Amino acid sequence: MKTNIELYDDRPIENVLGTEMFRPEETVFVCPQEVADNKELHRALRKYFAYRGVPVKLTFVPASLLDAAKVEKTLKKVLEEHEDCAIDIAGGSDAALFAAGAISGDTPVYTYSRKRNMFFEIKNAPFARSLPCTVRLDAESCFLMAGGTLLPGREDNEKLKERLSQIDALFSVYAANRRIWNRQISYYQKLSQAADPTLKAEGNRTGKADNGVVTADEGMLRGLAEAGLITELGVSEEKVSFRFADEVVRFWLRDMGSVLELQVYRACLAAGCFDDVILSAVVNWKADEKRRDAVTNEIDVMAVRGVQPVFISCKTCEIKTEALNELAILRDRFGGKGSRAVIVTSAAGTRSRAVMRRRAAELEIEVIEWDDLRLDRLVERLKQ
């Protein structure tokens, strides 16, 4: 195959897998006019294939995918102007698929099944006959194919892998102090400065924090000290003082949500089935990361298994409808059908959460609650 013909689809993965697998010299996208005119999207797809190490020429040919006659006319012209063609019908509208079937003649036609993660021959395409998809993506690839860019997050993920024992220790302290955690973290924020080179935290034992008055919990502090997360602990009736183990730990203990995000990140690594795991995946919705007007979002944890991205949001509080809607939008925009969205909460499962669970089910978002946050149970949930 020298020329791969793609019926353009709103699901990004459908547009790139054929080219990834079969490495044609040129891929021709039969696409709506707005896609053919979208130079920014063209640059994003070229950037994607360059990043993936796939040397291919991309051509965009406009045709209304809702008009079978126009698609048929366009396909005829493409076939006449290109040699050794094959048509990928994994994407596209019903009208486009009908036109492809009508015009293909002896041209090879193949498709891809997301459910089975395999390519299949439709006709004259033995190269795609029951062929397992061997493409394995990383988080950056998932964003690039959808016209976005992965920006640096707040964590160095490679260095973070060296801190797994600290993450385990942190979550153990959290598990023992879950109900007071957020208020205590709010209190630690008042005791310390985010950029203080001494890593010192000190002040009155009782003070204003979390929209009220908070007293430092000695049991939680001693748990953190025994875990090696803080040092030089001093606690009296009036005062409290300690040092954070290092700058990273200081960030963890000044940010309420870090502990849950770290536990999920840890579980994704422990699962051993993901090709890429990113904590704090910041995505720019535009391929040009330098544009000031671009929309950005942070995904707490993102994991990729083969060609399936998993978008994970973590909440140490009750899950609101807004959080579910935002997660669904990100999943649909950068993953599309076949990707997963998971929301994790450290709140215990109760009947009062029935409305939230129902809304999550409507949006096809998996919900993981406190009873499944122990590492072994969380690993099993994420492997599903």
Protein backbone atom coordinates (compact mmCIF):
# COMPACT_ATOMS: atom_id res chain seq x y z
CA MET A 1 0.00 0.00 0.00
CA LYS A 2 1.43 3.37 -1.02
CA THR A 3 -1.71 5.43 -0.39
CA ASN A 4 -4.01 5.04 2.59
CA ILE A 5 -7.44 6.66 2.16
CA GLU A 6 -9.10 7.66 5.43
CA LEU A 7 -12.75 8.62 5.82
CA TYR A 8 -12.30 11.36 8.40
CA ASP A 9 -13.91 10.75 11.79
CA ASP A 10 -14.51 12.92 14.86
CA ARG A 11 -12.82 10.20 16.93
CA PRO A 12 -9.10 10.99 16.65
CA ILE A 13 -7.90 7.41 16.99
CA GLU A 14 -9.81 6.33 13.87
CA ASN A 15 -7.81 8.80 11.78
CA VAL A 16 -4.31 7.66 12.69
CA LEU A 17 -4.21 3.91 13.38
CA GLY A 18 -4.22 2.76 9.75
CA THR A 19 -1.26 5.00 8.96
CA GLU A 20 0.54 3.91 12.15
CA MET A 21 0.14 0.24 11.35
CA PHE A 22 0.72 0.09 7.60
CA ARG A 23 3.12 3.01 7.05
CA PRO A 24 1.94 4.26 3.62
CA GLU A 25 3.84 6.94 1.73
CA GLU A 26 0.73 9.14 1.74
CA THR A 27 -2.53 9.30 3.65
CA VAL A 28 -5.45 11.06 2.01
CA PHE A 29 -8.20 12.27 4.33
CA VAL A 30 -11.62 12.56 2.70
CA CYS A 31 -13.10 15.06 5.11
CA PRO A 32 -15.66 17.85 5.60
CA GLN A 33 -14.76 21.26 4.17
CA GLU A 34 -14.10 22.74 7.63
CA VAL A 35 -11.50 20.04 8.29
CA ALA A 36 -9.88 20.54 4.89
CA ASP A 37 -9.59 24.28 5.70
CA ASN A 38 -8.31 23.78 9.26
CA LYS A 39 -4.57 24.38 8.90
CA GLU A 40 -4.11 24.17 12.66
CA LEU A 41 -5.49 20.62 12.69
CA HIS A 42 -3.27 19.72 9.73
CA ARG A 43 -0.21 20.92 11.66
CA ALA A 44 -1.32 18.94 14.70
CA LEU A 45 -1.64 15.70 12.73
CA ARG A 46 1.72 16.25 11.06
CA LYS A 47 3.21 16.93 14.48
CA TYR A 48 1.63 13.71 15.76
CA PHE A 49 3.12 11.53 13.01
CA ALA A 50 6.52 13.22 13.35
CA TYR A 51 6.43 12.55 17.09
CA ARG A 52 5.50 8.93 16.41
CA GLY A 53 8.32 8.52 13.89
CA VAL A 54 5.95 7.87 10.95
CA PRO A 55 7.15 9.60 7.76
CA VAL A 56 3.98 10.20 5.75
CA LYS A 57 2.58 12.85 3.44
CA LEU A 58 -0.86 14.07 4.53
CA THR A 59 -3.43 15.31 2.04
CA PHE A 60 -6.89 16.67 2.91
CA VAL A 61 -9.61 16.42 0.26
CA PRO A 62 -13.00 18.08 1.03
CA ALA A 63 -16.31 16.28 0.58
CA SER A 64 -19.55 16.27 2.53
CA LEU A 65 -19.50 12.96 4.39
CA LEU A 66 -23.29 13.14 4.61
CA ASP A 67 -23.66 13.08 0.82
CA ALA A 68 -22.88 9.63 -0.61
CA ALA A 69 -22.80 10.92 -4.20
CA LYS A 70 -20.22 13.60 -3.39
CA VAL A 71 -18.07 11.15 -1.43
CA GLU A 72 -18.26 8.68 -4.32
CA LYS A 73 -17.16 11.36 -6.80
CA THR A 74 -14.29 12.41 -4.51
CA LEU A 75 -13.12 8.85 -3.96
CA LYS A 76 -13.12 8.20 -7.71
CA LYS A 77 -10.83 11.17 -8.23
CA VAL A 78 -8.50 10.16 -5.40
CA LEU A 79 -8.23 6.62 -6.76
CA GLU A 80 -7.50 7.94 -10.25
CA GLU A 81 -4.75 10.25 -9.02
CA HIS A 82 -3.00 7.84 -6.64
CA GLU A 83 -1.50 4.40 -7.07
CA ASP A 84 -1.60 1.32 -4.86
CA CYS A 85 -4.48 2.60 -2.70
CA ALA A 86 -6.36 1.05 0.21
CA ILE A 87 -9.46 2.44 1.93
CA ASP A 88 -9.81 2.43 5.70
CA ILE A 89 -13.52 2.44 6.62
CA ALA A 90 -13.05 2.39 10.39
CA GLY A 91 -14.30 5.99 10.55
CA GLY A 92 -16.67 8.18 8.58
CA SER A 93 -20.44 8.51 8.28
CA ASP A 94 -22.89 5.89 6.99
CA ALA A 95 -23.11 7.79 3.71
CA ALA A 96 -19.33 7.76 3.33
CA LEU A 97 -19.17 4.04 4.08
CA PHE A 98 -21.88 3.37 1.49
CA ALA A 99 -19.97 5.40 -1.10
CA ALA A 100 -16.71 3.60 -0.29
CA GLY A 101 -18.39 0.25 -0.81
CA ALA A 102 -19.93 1.36 -4.09
CA ILE A 103 -16.76 2.75 -5.61
CA SER A 104 -14.01 0.53 -4.24
CA GLY A 105 -14.03 -2.08 -7.04
CA ASP A 106 -10.80 -4.06 -6.70
CA THR A 107 -9.30 -1.52 -4.27
CA PRO A 108 -8.41 -3.09 -0.89
CA VAL A 109 -10.80 -2.14 1.90
CA TYR A 110 -10.13 -2.75 5.58
CA THR A 111 -11.38 -1.66 8.98
CA TYR A 112 -10.42 -1.56 12.66
CA SER A 113 -12.42 -2.94 15.59
CA ARG A 114 -11.99 -1.03 18.85
CA LYS A 115 -13.69 -3.79 20.82
CA ARG A 116 -11.24 -6.44 19.62
CA ASN A 117 -8.33 -4.08 18.96
CA MET A 118 -7.74 -5.74 15.60
CA PHE A 119 -7.75 -4.85 11.92
CA PHE A 120 -9.98 -6.81 9.57
CA GLU A 121 -10.05 -7.32 5.83
CA ILE A 122 -13.29 -6.21 4.21
CA LYS A 123 -12.13 -7.17 0.71
CA ASN A 124 -8.86 -7.53 -1.17
CA ALA A 125 -6.84 -6.56 1.91
CA PRO A 126 -5.00 -9.67 3.15
CA PHE A 127 -2.45 -7.41 4.89
CA ALA A 128 -5.19 -6.50 7.41
CA ARG A 129 -6.70 -9.94 7.84
CA SER A 130 -7.45 -10.47 11.56
CA LEU A 131 -4.36 -8.45 12.41
CA PRO A 132 -3.86 -7.48 16.08
CA CYS A 133 -3.17 -3.77 16.55
CA THR A 134 0.34 -3.42 17.94
CA VAL A 135 0.28 0.37 18.31
CA ARG A 136 1.02 1.50 21.86
CA LEU A 137 0.45 5.15 22.67
CA ASP A 138 1.64 7.49 25.37
CA ALA A 139 -0.26 10.42 26.87
CA GLU A 140 1.34 12.99 24.59
CA SER A 141 0.32 11.01 21.49
CA CYS A 142 -3.32 10.98 22.63
CA PHE A 143 -3.37 14.77 22.88
CA LEU A 144 -1.46 15.39 19.65
CA MET A 145 -3.78 13.27 17.53
CA ALA A 146 -6.72 15.32 18.81
CA GLY A 147 -5.06 18.64 18.08
CA GLY A 148 -3.79 19.35 21.59
CA THR A 149 -0.44 19.45 23.36
CA LEU A 150 0.79 17.98 26.63
CA LEU A 151 2.39 20.73 28.74
CA PRO A 152 4.73 20.25 31.72
CA GLY A 153 2.74 19.46 34.86
CA ARG A 154 3.57 20.17 38.47
CA GLU A 155 5.38 16.85 38.99
CA ASP A 156 8.46 15.29 37.42
CA ASN A 157 6.99 11.87 36.68
CA GLU A 158 10.35 10.13 36.25
CA LYS A 159 11.63 11.33 39.61
CA LEU A 160 8.26 10.54 41.16
CA LYS A 161 8.80 6.85 40.42
CA GLU A 162 11.67 6.96 42.91
CA ARG A 163 9.28 8.02 45.69
CA LEU A 164 6.84 5.12 45.70
CA SER A 165 7.67 4.13 49.28
CA GLN A 166 7.00 7.72 50.39
CA ILE A 167 3.68 7.67 48.56
CA ASP A 168 2.75 4.45 50.34
CA ALA A 169 3.68 6.00 53.69
CA LEU A 170 1.75 9.19 52.94
CA PHE A 171 -1.41 7.29 52.06
CA SER A 172 -1.13 5.18 55.23
CA VAL A 173 -1.11 8.34 57.34
CA TYR A 174 -4.00 9.70 55.28
CA ALA A 175 -6.03 6.53 55.75
CA ALA A 176 -5.70 6.87 59.52
CA ASN A 177 -6.64 10.56 59.47
CA ARG A 178 -8.95 10.87 56.48
CA ARG A 179 -11.76 12.69 58.26
CA ILE A 180 -9.52 15.49 59.54
CA TRP A 181 -7.06 15.58 56.64
CA ASN A 182 -8.34 18.57 54.69
CA ARG A 183 -8.61 20.79 57.76
CA GLN A 184 -5.14 19.81 58.94
CA ILE A 185 -3.62 20.44 55.50
CA SER A 186 -5.28 23.83 55.48
CA TYR A 187 -3.65 24.46 58.86
CA TYR A 188 -0.20 23.40 57.54
CA GLN A 189 -0.62 25.95 54.76
CA LYS A 190 -0.92 28.67 57.40
CA LEU A 191 2.11 27.39 59.32
CA SER A 192 4.48 27.32 56.34
CA GLN A 193 5.55 29.15 53.22
CA ALA A 194 5.54 27.41 49.83
CA ALA A 195 9.03 28.66 48.89
CA ASP A 196 10.78 28.88 52.27
CA PRO A 197 14.27 27.33 51.76
CA THR A 198 14.39 26.21 55.40
CA LEU A 199 11.30 23.95 54.90
CA LYS A 200 10.20 25.10 58.36
CA ALA A 201 6.61 25.10 59.62
CA GLU A 202 5.87 26.68 62.98
CA GLY A 203 3.23 28.64 64.80
CA ASN A 204 0.43 28.50 67.34
CA ARG A 205 -1.05 25.06 68.01
CA THR A 206 -4.49 26.50 67.33
CA GLY A 207 -5.19 28.98 64.58
CA LYS A 208 -7.52 30.11 61.83
CA ALA A 209 -7.70 27.81 58.83
CA ASP A 210 -10.30 26.17 56.58
CA ASN A 211 -12.82 28.98 57.28
CA GLY A 212 -12.67 28.28 61.00
CA VAL A 213 -10.39 27.46 63.91
CA VAL A 214 -8.14 24.42 63.67
CA THR A 215 -5.94 22.77 66.29
CA ALA A 216 -2.94 20.78 65.10
CA ASP A 217 -3.66 17.07 65.59
CA GLU A 218 -0.72 15.53 67.43
CA GLY A 219 -1.53 11.99 66.31
CA MET A 220 -1.43 12.95 62.65
CA LEU A 221 1.80 14.88 63.10
CA ARG A 222 3.46 11.95 64.86
CA GLY A 223 2.26 9.65 62.10
CA LEU A 224 3.89 11.92 59.51
CA ALA A 225 7.09 12.00 61.59
CA GLU A 226 7.22 8.21 61.94
CA ALA A 227 6.76 7.95 58.16
CA GLY A 228 9.76 10.24 57.64
CA LEU A 229 7.67 12.89 55.92
CA ILE A 230 8.43 15.54 58.54
CA THR A 231 11.34 15.94 60.95
CA GLU A 232 12.23 17.94 64.07
CA LEU A 233 8.67 17.72 65.36
CA GLY A 234 7.86 19.74 68.44
CA VAL A 235 4.37 19.87 69.91
CA SER A 236 3.20 21.64 73.06
CA GLU A 237 -0.12 22.94 74.30
CA GLU A 238 0.57 26.31 72.71
CA LYS A 239 3.02 25.79 69.84
CA VAL A 240 3.90 23.37 67.06
CA SER A 241 6.93 23.19 64.79
CA PHE A 242 8.49 20.79 62.28
CA ARG A 243 10.39 20.63 58.99
CA PHE A 244 9.14 19.00 55.81
CA ALA A 245 11.38 16.17 54.57
CA ASP A 246 12.00 18.03 51.32
CA GLU A 247 10.35 20.41 48.86
CA VAL A 248 8.28 17.72 47.17
CA VAL A 249 6.86 16.46 50.46
CA ARG A 250 6.13 20.05 51.44
CA PHE A 251 4.02 20.42 48.31
CA TRP A 252 2.16 17.18 49.10
CA LEU A 253 1.40 18.32 52.65
CA ARG A 254 0.25 21.76 51.58
CA ASP A 255 -2.10 20.49 48.87
CA MET A 256 -5.28 18.70 49.93
CA GLY A 257 -5.74 16.62 46.82
CA SER A 258 -2.17 15.40 46.32
CA VAL A 259 -2.46 12.34 48.54
CA LEU A 260 -5.34 10.83 46.55
CA GLU A 261 -3.78 11.66 43.18
CA LEU A 262 -0.52 10.04 44.31
CA GLN A 263 -2.33 6.89 45.44
CA VAL A 264 -4.04 6.57 42.06
CA TYR A 265 -0.74 7.21 40.26
CA ARG A 266 0.91 4.56 42.44
CA ALA A 267 -1.87 2.07 41.66
CA CYS A 268 -1.59 2.68 37.91
CA LEU A 269 2.12 1.87 38.07
CA ALA A 270 1.50 -1.18 40.27
CA ALA A 271 -1.12 -2.47 37.83
CA GLY A 272 1.67 -3.09 35.33
CA CYS A 273 -0.70 -2.97 32.34
CA PHE A 274 -0.33 0.66 31.32
CA ASP A 275 2.17 1.86 28.72
CA ASP A 276 2.26 5.38 30.16
CA VAL A 277 1.16 6.95 33.43
CA ILE A 278 1.22 10.71 34.03
CA LEU A 279 0.42 12.58 37.23
CA SER A 280 -0.82 16.11 36.58
CA ALA A 281 -1.30 15.97 32.81
CA VAL A 282 -1.82 19.56 31.69
CA VAL A 283 -3.31 19.71 28.21
CA ASN A 284 -3.39 22.72 25.91
CA TRP A 285 -6.42 22.36 23.62
CA LYS A 286 -4.36 23.80 20.76
CA ALA A 287 -1.34 22.16 19.16
CA ASP A 288 0.60 25.43 19.44
CA GLU A 289 1.56 25.52 23.11
CA LYS A 290 2.77 29.14 22.83
CA ARG A 291 -0.65 30.61 22.07
CA ARG A 292 -1.85 32.77 24.93
CA ASP A 293 -5.54 32.35 24.13
CA ALA A 294 -5.49 28.55 24.25
CA VAL A 295 -7.66 26.67 26.75
CA THR A 296 -5.83 24.44 29.22
CA ASN A 297 -7.06 21.77 31.62
CA GLU A 298 -5.31 19.58 34.16
CA ILE A 299 -6.08 15.87 34.33
CA ASP A 300 -5.14 14.55 37.78
CA VAL A 301 -3.89 11.21 36.46
CA MET A 302 -3.77 9.91 32.91
CA ALA A 303 -2.88 6.36 31.94
CA VAL A 304 -2.70 4.75 28.50
CA ARG A 305 -3.13 1.05 27.76
CA GLY A 306 -2.31 0.23 24.17
CA VAL A 307 -4.46 2.73 22.27
CA GLN A 308 -6.93 3.30 25.11
CA PRO A 309 -6.45 6.40 27.25
CA VAL A 310 -7.84 6.52 30.79
CA PHE A 311 -8.69 9.96 32.20
CA ILE A 312 -8.84 10.01 36.01
CA SER A 313 -10.14 12.78 38.26
CA CYS A 314 -9.51 12.64 42.03
CA LYS A 315 -11.63 14.28 44.72
CA THR A 316 -11.10 14.29 48.50
CA CYS A 317 -14.62 15.68 48.83
CA GLU A 318 -18.07 14.96 47.47
CA ILE A 319 -18.31 14.67 43.70
CA LYS A 320 -20.29 17.46 42.07
CA THR A 321 -22.06 17.36 38.72
CA GLU A 322 -19.65 19.98 37.38
CA ALA A 323 -16.71 17.65 37.98
CA LEU A 324 -18.42 14.82 36.13
CA ASN A 325 -19.30 17.06 33.19
CA GLU A 326 -15.76 18.41 32.92
CA LEU A 327 -14.26 14.92 32.98
CA ALA A 328 -16.68 13.71 30.29
CA ILE A 329 -15.81 16.66 28.05
CA LEU A 330 -12.07 15.96 28.36
CA ARG A 331 -12.59 12.25 27.72
CA ASP A 332 -14.72 12.89 24.63
CA ARG A 333 -12.42 15.60 23.26
CA PHE A 334 -9.10 13.80 23.64
CA GLY A 335 -10.08 10.15 23.77
CA GLY A 336 -13.40 9.63 22.09
CA LYS A 337 -15.37 6.42 22.05
CA GLY A 338 -13.48 3.53 23.55
CA SER A 339 -11.53 5.61 26.07
CA ARG A 340 -12.27 5.49 29.80
CA ALA A 341 -13.15 8.17 32.34
CA VAL A 342 -12.78 7.40 36.04
CA ILE A 343 -13.56 9.61 39.01
CA VAL A 344 -12.06 8.68 42.36
CA THR A 345 -13.29 9.95 45.72
CA SER A 346 -12.07 9.24 49.22
CA ALA A 347 -15.59 9.76 50.53
CA ALA A 348 -17.27 6.57 51.74
CA GLY A 349 -20.02 5.14 49.58
CA THR A 350 -23.48 6.10 50.87
CA ARG A 351 -27.04 5.98 49.61
CA SER A 352 -27.06 9.78 49.47
CA ARG A 353 -24.71 9.55 46.50
CA ALA A 354 -27.24 7.76 44.30
CA VAL A 355 -27.95 10.85 42.18
CA MET A 356 -24.22 11.35 41.52
CA ARG A 357 -23.75 7.70 40.59
CA ARG A 358 -26.71 7.85 38.23
CA ARG A 359 -25.30 10.93 36.50
CA ALA A 360 -21.89 9.27 36.27
CA ALA A 361 -23.48 6.20 34.69
CA GLU A 362 -25.26 8.41 32.13
CA LEU A 363 -21.90 9.92 31.19
CA GLU A 364 -20.21 6.48 31.21
CA ILE A 365 -17.85 7.52 34.01
CA GLU A 366 -16.63 4.87 36.43
CA VAL A 367 -16.83 5.81 40.12
CA ILE A 368 -14.30 4.51 42.66
CA GLU A 369 -15.01 5.24 46.33
CA TRP A 370 -13.19 4.83 49.62
CA ASP A 371 -13.75 1.10 50.05
CA ASP A 372 -11.77 0.44 46.85
CA LEU A 373 -8.83 2.76 47.54
CA ARG A 374 -6.58 0.23 49.24
CA LEU A 375 -3.75 -0.40 46.80
CA ASP A 376 -4.61 -3.97 45.82
CA ARG A 377 -8.31 -3.20 45.33
CA LEU A 378 -7.59 0.00 43.45
CA VAL A 379 -5.24 -1.86 41.11
CA GLU A 380 -7.98 -4.35 40.27
CA ARG A 381 -10.49 -1.59 39.58
CA LEU A 382 -8.08 0.22 37.28
CA LYS A 383 -7.23 -2.96 35.38
CA GLN A 384 -10.85 -3.49 34.33
